[in-house]
Amino acid sequence: MKKLTRKETAQISGGIRPDQCFYIDDNGETKRGCRVFPFQDDSGVWVYPLKDCNSCTGDL
C-alpha cells in the first residue's frame, strides 16, 4: 500500500479551507469551525475577539 500525498488525504478526510480551523466544543470534541477575525465597531475601534476559532453556525 502506498503512502498517500497530502492532497489525497485531504480529499478523503474533507480537508479544511484557509478560513477554517479546529476548535474544542463543550463536550471536549474537536470540530471544524470558522476563524473569527477582528472587526471594526460603529465608532471605528478594532475589536479583537477572545476566541480565534468558533462554530461556523454560531451556536456557541
Protein backbone atom coordinates (compact mmCIF):
# COMPACT_ATOMS: atom_id res chain seq x y z
CA MET A 1 0.00 0.00 0.00
CA LYS A 2 1.46 3.36 -1.00
CA LYS A 3 1.69 6.38 1.29
CA LEU A 4 -0.96 8.98 0.43
CA THR A 5 0.01 12.51 -0.51
CA ARG A 6 -1.31 15.44 1.46
CA LYS A 7 -3.77 16.28 -1.32
CA GLU A 8 -5.12 12.72 -1.43
CA THR A 9 -5.52 12.65 2.34
CA ALA A 10 -7.41 15.96 2.25
CA GLN A 11 -9.81 14.57 -0.36
CA ILE A 12 -10.59 11.58 1.83
CA SER A 13 -10.95 13.38 5.14
CA GLY A 14 -12.50 16.51 3.70
CA GLY A 15 -9.63 18.90 4.40
CA ILE A 16 -10.20 22.44 5.63
CA ARG A 17 -10.26 25.77 3.83
CA PRO A 18 -7.83 28.55 4.78
CA ASP A 19 -10.64 30.40 6.63
CA GLN A 20 -11.44 27.32 8.73
CA CYS A 21 -9.79 25.90 11.83
CA PHE A 22 -10.35 23.31 14.55
CA TYR A 23 -11.84 24.10 17.97
CA ILE A 24 -12.85 22.07 21.02
CA ASP A 25 -16.58 22.21 21.80
CA ASP A 26 -18.27 21.97 25.22
CA ASN A 27 -18.22 18.14 25.08
CA GLY A 28 -14.45 18.10 24.55
CA GLU A 29 -14.71 17.02 20.91
CA THR A 30 -12.51 18.58 18.25
CA LYS A 31 -14.66 20.08 15.50
CA ARG A 32 -14.14 22.11 12.35
CA GLY A 33 -15.02 25.77 12.78
CA CYS A 34 -14.52 29.18 11.21
CA ARG A 35 -11.82 31.69 12.07
CA VAL A 36 -13.00 34.73 13.99
CA PHE A 37 -11.30 37.80 12.58
CA PRO A 38 -11.03 41.24 14.25
CA PHE A 39 -13.67 43.73 13.11
CA GLN A 40 -14.42 47.45 13.44
CA ASP A 41 -17.38 48.52 15.56
CA ASP A 42 -19.60 51.55 14.84
CA SER A 43 -17.08 54.01 16.33
CA GLY A 44 -14.23 52.62 14.18
CA VAL A 45 -12.44 50.86 17.02
CA TRP A 46 -10.99 47.44 16.19
CA VAL A 47 -12.49 44.65 18.31
CA TYR A 48 -10.37 41.53 18.81
CA PRO A 49 -12.47 38.52 19.89
CA LEU A 50 -11.25 36.34 22.77
CA LYS A 51 -11.52 33.16 20.67
CA ASP A 52 -9.80 32.89 17.30
CA CYS A 53 -11.90 29.88 16.20
CA ASN A 54 -15.60 29.25 16.73
CA SER A 55 -18.51 27.25 15.35
CA CYS A 56 -19.47 28.28 11.82
CA THR A 57 -23.17 28.00 12.66
CA GLY A 58 -22.89 30.46 15.56
CA ASP A 59 -24.39 28.02 18.08
CA LEU A 60 -21.70 28.79 20.67
